[in-house]
N, C-alpha and C. Protein backbone atom coordinates (compact mmCIF):
# COMPACT_ATOMS: atom_id res chain seq x y z
N MET A 1 16.40 -23.28 81.38
CA MET A 1 15.35 -22.51 81.39
C MET A 1 14.59 -22.63 80.43
N HIS A 2 13.55 -22.35 80.44
CA HIS A 2 12.35 -22.48 79.26
C HIS A 2 12.30 -20.98 78.72
N GLN A 3 12.02 -21.05 77.23
CA GLN A 3 12.17 -19.82 76.59
C GLN A 3 10.85 -19.01 76.86
N SER A 4 9.82 -19.77 77.36
CA SER A 4 8.30 -19.17 77.65
C SER A 4 8.90 -18.38 79.32
N ARG A 5 9.42 -18.73 79.93
CA ARG A 5 9.98 -18.52 81.23
C ARG A 5 11.15 -16.90 81.22
N TYR A 6 11.91 -17.03 79.95
CA TYR A 6 12.70 -15.89 79.41
C TYR A 6 11.45 -14.83 79.12
N LYS A 7 10.76 -15.42 78.36
CA LYS A 7 9.71 -14.11 78.03
C LYS A 7 8.71 -13.36 78.83
N ARG A 8 8.67 -14.40 80.06
CA ARG A 8 7.85 -13.96 81.21
C ARG A 8 8.51 -12.85 82.17
N LEU A 9 9.53 -13.05 82.27
CA LEU A 9 10.81 -12.36 82.98
C LEU A 9 10.87 -11.44 82.60
N ILE A 10 11.26 -11.26 80.96
CA ILE A 10 11.92 -10.06 80.10
C ILE A 10 10.27 -8.95 80.11
N LYS A 11 9.49 -9.57 80.12
CA LYS A 11 7.94 -8.57 79.81
C LYS A 11 8.11 -7.85 81.36
N SER A 12 8.24 -8.90 82.39
CA SER A 12 8.15 -7.78 83.62
C SER A 12 9.20 -7.56 83.73
N LEU A 13 10.61 -7.39 83.55
CA LEU A 13 11.55 -6.43 83.58
C LEU A 13 11.62 -5.15 82.92
N THR A 14 10.95 -5.42 81.66
CA THR A 14 10.96 -4.26 80.85
C THR A 14 9.40 -3.32 81.12
N GLN A 15 8.42 -3.89 81.91
CA GLN A 15 7.12 -3.98 82.07
C GLN A 15 6.44 -3.52 80.51
N ASN A 16 6.28 -4.55 80.55
CA ASN A 16 5.50 -4.78 78.94
C ASN A 16 6.19 -4.29 77.68
N TYR A 17 7.35 -4.54 77.72
CA TYR A 17 8.51 -3.99 76.96
C TYR A 17 8.39 -2.41 76.40
N THR A 18 7.67 -1.62 77.68
CA THR A 18 8.00 0.11 77.38
C THR A 18 9.27 0.19 77.88
N LEU A 19 9.84 -0.17 79.18
CA LEU A 19 11.00 0.38 79.56
C LEU A 19 11.90 -0.14 78.58
N THR A 20 13.04 0.49 78.30
CA THR A 20 14.25 0.23 76.86
C THR A 20 15.44 0.52 77.10
N ASP A 21 15.25 1.26 78.59
CA ASP A 21 16.65 1.57 79.05
C ASP A 21 17.43 0.51 79.90
N LEU A 22 18.43 -0.30 80.03
CA LEU A 22 18.96 -0.94 80.63
C LEU A 22 19.17 -0.58 82.02
N GLU A 23 19.86 0.67 82.44
CA GLU A 23 19.86 1.02 83.22
C GLU A 23 18.67 1.07 84.39
N LYS A 24 18.03 2.08 83.50
CA LYS A 24 16.34 2.20 84.54
C LYS A 24 15.97 0.37 84.83
N ILE A 25 15.80 -0.27 83.90
CA ILE A 25 15.38 -1.68 84.15
C ILE A 25 16.41 -2.14 85.64
N ALA A 26 17.60 -1.74 85.22
CA ALA A 26 18.38 -2.50 86.65
C ALA A 26 17.51 -1.64 87.85
N ARG A 27 17.79 -0.45 87.70
CA ARG A 27 17.39 0.03 89.43
C ARG A 27 15.81 -0.17 89.53
N SER A 28 14.58 -0.54 88.38
CA SER A 28 13.93 -1.05 88.87
C SER A 28 13.52 -2.26 89.72
N LYS A 29 14.87 -3.13 89.26
CA LYS A 29 15.22 -4.02 90.31
C LYS A 29 16.15 -3.84 91.29
N LYS A 30 16.92 -2.64 91.64
CA LYS A 30 17.15 -2.63 92.97
C LYS A 30 18.52 -3.05 92.63
N ILE A 31 19.58 -2.98 91.09
CA ILE A 31 20.32 -3.49 91.07
C ILE A 31 21.46 -2.14 90.82
N ILE A 32 22.36 -2.13 91.66
CA ILE A 32 22.99 -0.99 91.53
C ILE A 32 24.24 -1.00 90.58
N ILE A 33 24.49 0.05 89.84
CA ILE A 33 25.42 -0.57 88.72
C ILE A 33 26.31 0.74 88.60
N LEU A 34 27.89 0.31 88.99
CA LEU A 34 29.16 0.85 88.60
C LEU A 34 29.93 1.00 87.83
N TYR A 35 30.61 1.94 87.51
CA TYR A 35 31.32 1.70 86.27
C TYR A 35 32.92 1.98 86.92
N SER A 36 33.60 1.21 86.36
CA SER A 36 35.13 1.23 86.77
C SER A 36 36.11 0.72 85.58
N ASP A 37 37.05 1.13 85.64
CA ASP A 37 38.35 0.53 84.92
C ASP A 37 38.63 -1.06 85.22
N LEU A 38 38.30 -2.09 84.44
CA LEU A 38 38.26 -3.37 85.27
C LEU A 38 39.29 -4.45 84.52
N ASN A 39 40.21 -3.37 83.68
CA ASN A 39 41.12 -4.42 83.11
C ASN A 39 40.78 -4.83 81.81
N LYS A 40 40.77 -6.20 81.78
CA LYS A 40 40.29 -7.46 80.79
C LYS A 40 38.92 -7.39 81.03
N GLU A 41 38.89 -7.52 82.14
CA GLU A 41 37.35 -7.90 82.29
C GLU A 41 36.16 -6.85 81.67
N GLY A 42 34.92 -7.76 81.28
CA GLY A 42 34.10 -6.85 80.94
C GLY A 42 33.23 -6.48 81.95
N GLY A 43 32.79 -7.23 83.02
CA GLY A 43 31.97 -6.81 84.07
C GLY A 43 31.67 -7.91 85.15
N LEU A 44 31.09 -7.65 86.11
CA LEU A 44 31.03 -8.40 87.32
C LEU A 44 29.91 -8.09 87.48
N TYR A 45 29.39 -9.38 88.31
CA TYR A 45 28.11 -9.27 89.20
C TYR A 45 28.36 -9.94 90.85
N LYS A 46 27.78 -8.84 91.79
CA LYS A 46 28.23 -9.27 93.16
C LYS A 46 27.27 -9.09 94.12
N LEU A 47 26.75 -10.10 95.00
CA LEU A 47 26.09 -9.53 96.05
C LEU A 47 26.70 -9.50 96.85
N ILE A 48 26.63 -7.61 97.76
CA ILE A 48 27.41 -7.47 98.57
C ILE A 48 26.55 -6.58 99.57
N ASP A 49 26.60 -7.16 100.87
CA ASP A 49 25.50 -6.88 101.87
C ASP A 49 24.40 -7.01 101.38
N LYS A 50 23.74 -8.00 100.74
CA LYS A 50 22.34 -7.88 100.13
C LYS A 50 21.92 -6.62 99.26
N ASN A 51 22.80 -6.61 98.56
CA ASN A 51 22.80 -5.63 97.57
C ASN A 51 23.16 -6.30 96.32
N LYS A 52 22.24 -6.06 95.21
CA LYS A 52 22.81 -6.54 93.88
C LYS A 52 23.71 -5.71 93.18
N VAL A 53 24.85 -5.66 92.93
CA VAL A 53 25.68 -4.74 92.61
C VAL A 53 26.55 -5.46 91.01
N VAL A 54 26.36 -4.44 89.96
CA VAL A 54 27.27 -4.83 88.75
C VAL A 54 28.16 -3.63 88.50
N ILE A 55 29.15 -4.17 87.95
CA ILE A 55 30.64 -3.13 87.80
C ILE A 55 30.80 -3.20 86.36
N ILE A 56 30.98 -2.42 85.67
CA ILE A 56 30.75 -2.55 84.38
C ILE A 56 32.50 -1.75 83.96
N ASN A 57 32.64 -2.55 83.16
CA ASN A 57 34.14 -1.60 82.52
C ASN A 57 33.71 -0.60 81.67
N ASN A 58 34.67 0.83 82.36
CA ASN A 58 34.16 1.86 81.71
C ASN A 58 35.06 1.92 80.54
N ARG A 59 36.09 1.33 79.90
CA ARG A 59 37.20 1.11 78.69
C ARG A 59 36.18 0.73 77.81
N LEU A 60 35.01 -0.06 77.70
CA LEU A 60 34.38 -0.49 76.53
C LEU A 60 33.67 0.52 75.92
N SER A 61 32.84 0.74 74.40
CA SER A 61 32.39 1.13 73.77
C SER A 61 31.22 0.81 74.89
N TYR A 62 30.38 2.32 74.17
CA TYR A 62 29.12 2.20 75.25
C TYR A 62 28.03 0.78 74.81
N TYR A 63 28.39 0.46 73.36
CA TYR A 63 27.25 -0.47 73.03
C TYR A 63 28.16 -1.62 73.59
N HIS A 64 29.12 -1.87 73.95
CA HIS A 64 29.91 -3.09 74.75
C HIS A 64 29.42 -2.87 76.01
N GLN A 65 29.59 -2.28 76.30
CA GLN A 65 28.88 -1.81 77.71
C GLN A 65 27.67 -2.39 78.04
N GLN A 66 26.56 -1.94 77.08
CA GLN A 66 25.14 -2.40 76.94
C GLN A 66 25.16 -3.67 76.96
N ILE A 67 25.85 -4.40 75.98
CA ILE A 67 25.86 -6.13 75.93
C ILE A 67 26.25 -6.63 77.69
N VAL A 68 27.33 -5.97 78.27
CA VAL A 68 27.95 -6.67 79.64
C VAL A 68 27.20 -6.20 80.33
N LEU A 69 25.98 -5.27 80.40
CA LEU A 69 25.08 -4.60 81.54
C LEU A 69 24.24 -5.66 81.39
N ALA A 70 23.61 -5.99 80.04
CA ALA A 70 22.70 -7.06 80.02
C ALA A 70 22.83 -8.59 80.23
N HIS A 71 23.93 -8.76 80.18
CA HIS A 71 24.55 -10.09 80.58
C HIS A 71 24.70 -10.05 82.38
N GLU A 72 25.15 -9.07 82.39
CA GLU A 72 24.99 -9.08 84.68
C GLU A 72 23.69 -8.85 84.94
N ILE A 73 23.02 -8.03 84.36
CA ILE A 73 21.43 -8.08 84.85
C ILE A 73 20.95 -9.29 84.77
N ALA A 74 21.25 -10.36 84.06
CA ALA A 74 20.43 -11.96 83.74
C ALA A 74 20.85 -12.22 84.63
N HIS A 75 22.65 -12.32 85.23
CA HIS A 75 22.99 -13.09 86.41
C HIS A 75 22.18 -12.31 87.66
N ALA A 76 22.13 -11.25 88.09
CA ALA A 76 21.50 -10.74 88.92
C ALA A 76 20.07 -11.52 88.99
N ILE A 77 19.36 -11.42 88.14
CA ILE A 77 18.06 -12.09 88.22
C ILE A 77 18.07 -13.45 87.94
N LEU A 78 18.84 -13.92 87.41
CA LEU A 78 18.86 -15.65 87.09
C LEU A 78 19.40 -16.53 88.40
N HIS A 79 20.44 -15.82 88.76
CA HIS A 79 21.71 -16.56 89.79
C HIS A 79 21.88 -15.43 90.92
N PRO A 80 20.93 -14.87 91.59
CA PRO A 80 21.22 -13.28 92.36
C PRO A 80 22.34 -13.99 93.32
N HIS A 81 22.19 -15.36 94.07
CA HIS A 81 23.19 -15.63 95.08
C HIS A 81 24.47 -15.94 94.66
N GLU A 82 24.79 -15.66 93.57
CA GLU A 82 26.63 -16.18 93.09
C GLU A 82 27.14 -14.57 92.06
N SER A 83 28.43 -14.71 92.64
CA SER A 83 28.57 -13.89 92.01
C SER A 83 29.36 -14.19 90.65
N SER A 84 29.63 -13.49 89.66
CA SER A 84 29.93 -13.65 88.06
C SER A 84 31.01 -12.55 87.66
N ALA A 85 32.24 -13.19 86.79
CA ALA A 85 32.50 -12.27 86.23
C ALA A 85 32.36 -12.56 84.61
N PHE A 86 32.41 -11.54 83.89
CA PHE A 86 32.38 -11.53 82.11
C PHE A 86 33.54 -10.77 81.90
N THR A 87 34.32 -12.09 81.49
CA THR A 87 35.55 -11.92 80.43
C THR A 87 35.42 -11.53 79.06
N SER A 88 34.48 -12.49 78.61
CA SER A 88 34.33 -12.83 77.16
C SER A 88 32.88 -13.12 76.80
N ILE A 89 32.58 -13.91 75.77
CA ILE A 89 30.93 -14.32 75.49
C ILE A 89 31.64 -15.87 75.45
N GLY A 90 32.89 -16.13 74.63
CA GLY A 90 33.37 -17.82 74.70
C GLY A 90 31.81 -18.58 74.53
N ILE A 91 31.77 -18.36 73.54
CA ILE A 91 30.24 -19.01 72.49
C ILE A 91 30.79 -20.33 72.13
N PRO A 92 29.95 -21.75 72.41
CA PRO A 92 29.23 -21.96 73.28
C PRO A 92 30.37 -22.60 74.62
N LYS A 93 29.57 -21.98 75.85
CA LYS A 93 30.40 -22.48 76.70
C LYS A 93 29.71 -23.46 77.83
N LYS A 94 31.00 -23.96 78.40
CA LYS A 94 30.17 -25.55 78.95
C LYS A 94 29.76 -24.97 80.27
N ASP A 95 30.09 -24.19 81.08
CA ASP A 95 28.95 -23.37 81.84
C ASP A 95 27.87 -23.10 82.06
N TYR A 96 26.80 -23.67 82.24
CA TYR A 96 25.40 -23.83 82.24
C TYR A 96 25.29 -22.11 82.58
N LYS A 97 25.49 -21.75 83.56
CA LYS A 97 24.84 -20.76 84.03
C LYS A 97 25.41 -19.47 83.54
N GLU A 98 26.42 -19.40 82.81
CA GLU A 98 27.07 -18.44 81.81
C GLU A 98 25.99 -18.21 80.93
N ASN A 99 25.91 -19.82 80.46
CA ASN A 99 25.18 -19.94 78.68
C ASN A 99 23.66 -19.32 79.13
N GLU A 100 23.27 -19.23 80.24
CA GLU A 100 22.25 -19.18 80.60
C GLU A 100 21.96 -17.70 80.60
N ALA A 101 23.21 -16.87 81.17
CA ALA A 101 23.19 -15.12 81.42
C ALA A 101 23.31 -15.01 79.82
N ASN A 102 23.93 -15.54 78.76
CA ASN A 102 23.85 -15.16 77.38
C ASN A 102 22.75 -15.06 76.61
N LEU A 103 21.97 -16.37 76.81
CA LEU A 103 20.73 -16.07 76.41
C LEU A 103 19.91 -15.26 76.56
N PHE A 104 19.55 -15.30 77.83
CA PHE A 104 18.54 -14.46 78.45
C PHE A 104 19.16 -12.81 78.38
N ALA A 105 20.35 -12.52 78.07
CA ALA A 105 20.87 -10.96 77.97
C ALA A 105 20.76 -10.90 76.46
N CYS A 106 21.06 -12.27 75.36
CA CYS A 106 20.69 -11.72 74.26
C CYS A 106 18.84 -11.36 73.70
N LYS A 107 18.28 -11.86 74.63
CA LYS A 107 16.73 -12.20 74.48
C LYS A 107 16.03 -10.47 75.04
N LEU A 108 16.75 -10.12 76.37
CA LEU A 108 16.48 -8.84 76.89
C LEU A 108 16.99 -7.48 75.83
N LEU A 109 18.22 -7.52 75.21
CA LEU A 109 18.60 -6.58 74.12
C LEU A 109 17.58 -6.63 73.02
N GLN A 110 17.19 -8.10 72.02
CA GLN A 110 16.03 -8.28 71.52
C GLN A 110 14.63 -7.31 71.89
N ALA A 111 14.70 -7.27 73.20
CA ALA A 111 13.06 -7.13 73.93
C ALA A 111 13.24 -5.44 73.45
N ILE A 112 14.35 -5.07 74.02
CA ILE A 112 14.58 -3.42 74.12
C ILE A 112 14.98 -2.97 72.77
N GLY A 113 14.99 -3.80 71.85
CA GLY A 113 15.22 -3.09 70.28
C GLY A 113 16.79 -2.89 69.97
N PHE A 114 17.75 -3.20 70.84
CA PHE A 114 19.29 -2.73 70.85
C PHE A 114 19.34 -3.43 69.17
N TRP A 115 19.33 -4.72 68.61
CA TRP A 115 19.87 -4.83 67.99
C TRP A 115 19.08 -4.13 66.55
N GLU A 116 18.20 -3.46 66.67
CA GLU A 116 17.93 -2.90 65.42
C GLU A 116 17.92 -0.96 65.77
N ASN A 117 18.76 -1.35 66.70
CA ASN A 117 19.19 0.21 67.35
C ASN A 117 20.05 1.01 65.74
N GLU A 118 19.68 1.81 64.93
CA GLU A 118 20.61 2.35 64.26
C GLU A 118 21.86 3.00 64.77
N ASN A 119 21.63 3.60 65.55
CA ASN A 119 23.08 4.48 66.29
C ASN A 119 23.90 3.17 66.28
N LEU A 120 23.84 1.70 66.52
CA LEU A 120 25.24 0.49 65.99
C LEU A 120 25.69 0.91 64.63
N CYS A 121 24.80 1.53 63.87
CA CYS A 121 25.35 1.98 62.27
C CYS A 121 25.86 3.28 62.51
N ILE A 122 25.54 4.42 62.88
CA ILE A 122 25.72 5.75 62.91
C ILE A 122 27.11 5.92 63.50
N TYR A 123 27.17 5.38 64.56
CA TYR A 123 28.84 5.48 65.27
C TYR A 123 29.68 4.13 65.25
N GLU A 124 29.37 3.90 64.06
CA GLU A 124 30.36 2.61 63.61
C GLU A 124 32.20 3.04 64.00
N LYS A 125 32.28 4.26 63.64
CA LYS A 125 33.44 4.66 63.81
C LYS A 125 34.15 4.87 65.46
N GLU A 126 33.13 4.88 66.20
CA GLU A 126 33.69 4.45 67.63
C GLU A 126 33.83 3.33 67.84
N LEU A 127 33.16 2.34 67.05
CA LEU A 127 33.37 0.63 67.69
C LEU A 127 34.72 0.30 67.08
N THR A 128 35.22 -0.61 68.22
CA THR A 128 36.90 -0.85 67.72
C THR A 128 36.12 -2.26 66.78
N LYS A 129 37.63 -2.86 66.17
CA LYS A 129 36.83 -4.24 65.41
C LYS A 129 36.33 -5.29 66.43
N ALA A 130 37.16 -5.40 67.51
CA ALA A 130 36.69 -6.29 68.90
C ALA A 130 35.30 -5.78 69.44
N ASP A 131 34.68 -4.87 69.30
CA ASP A 131 33.28 -4.41 69.29
C ASP A 131 32.43 -5.17 68.79
N PHE A 132 33.18 -4.89 67.00
CA PHE A 132 32.18 -5.32 66.12
C PHE A 132 31.81 -6.94 66.41
N LYS A 133 33.08 -7.72 66.72
CA LYS A 133 33.20 -9.10 66.75
C LYS A 133 32.13 -9.44 68.01
N PHE A 134 32.19 -8.62 69.15
CA PHE A 134 31.72 -9.34 70.07
C PHE A 134 30.12 -8.96 70.13
N ILE A 135 29.70 -7.82 69.35
CA ILE A 135 28.63 -7.74 68.91
C ILE A 135 27.77 -8.42 67.91
N GLU A 136 28.67 -8.66 66.53
CA GLU A 136 28.29 -10.00 65.72
C GLU A 136 28.14 -11.53 66.26
N THR A 137 28.90 -11.64 67.26
CA THR A 137 28.71 -13.00 67.98
C THR A 137 27.50 -13.08 68.88
N TYR A 138 27.71 -12.12 69.09
CA TYR A 138 26.56 -12.20 70.26
C TYR A 138 25.18 -11.98 69.48
N ARG A 139 24.87 -11.19 68.70
CA ARG A 139 23.34 -11.21 67.44
C ARG A 139 23.01 -12.54 67.12
N LYS A 140 24.51 -13.19 66.82
CA LYS A 140 24.32 -14.63 65.93
C LYS A 140 24.10 -15.41 66.75
N TYR A 141 24.13 -15.36 68.41
CA TYR A 141 24.25 -16.35 69.42
C TYR A 141 22.12 -15.93 69.80
N CYS A 142 22.24 -14.92 69.45
CA CYS A 142 20.39 -14.53 69.99
C CYS A 142 19.41 -15.09 69.27
N CYS A 143 19.93 -15.19 67.82
CA CYS A 143 19.32 -15.98 67.00
C CYS A 143 19.48 -17.17 66.85
N GLU A 144 20.19 -17.94 67.35
CA GLU A 144 20.38 -19.33 67.18
C GLU A 144 19.64 -19.88 68.87
N GLY A 145 18.94 -19.35 69.73
CA GLY A 145 18.43 -19.38 70.53
C GLY A 145 17.02 -19.29 70.33
N GLU A 146 16.49 -19.18 69.06
CA GLU A 146 15.18 -18.99 68.71
C GLU A 146 14.50 -20.38 68.39
């Protein structure tokens, strides 16, 4: 998918960059979000009876959940008829659709100001080492796609 298409989709998702809450963005696209203990999976996307459903692991930190949510929203938008599970970013991936969802999620997070969110620093004590590694890897991946 071309960068310009990502930009157009993200602009429409965020309603010209005025919508910055991922849950509101998902609701605007009729994506149902559920939170559950998924053990080691970060999240998943499924089409259930024509409903787009995203399930996020409630054991993750808030910021980790936001990255996973952005990734699953990407699947709901880009690959609406295919189920997917998010276990780890595993960058670079050989799976084109996972790679596409990763890049789209990075761009969506960038558009809503996630990477500049000062709360990422304020709440560092709540973040695990795994969260830090995950966030930094994703942030680097976002910059690489430019």
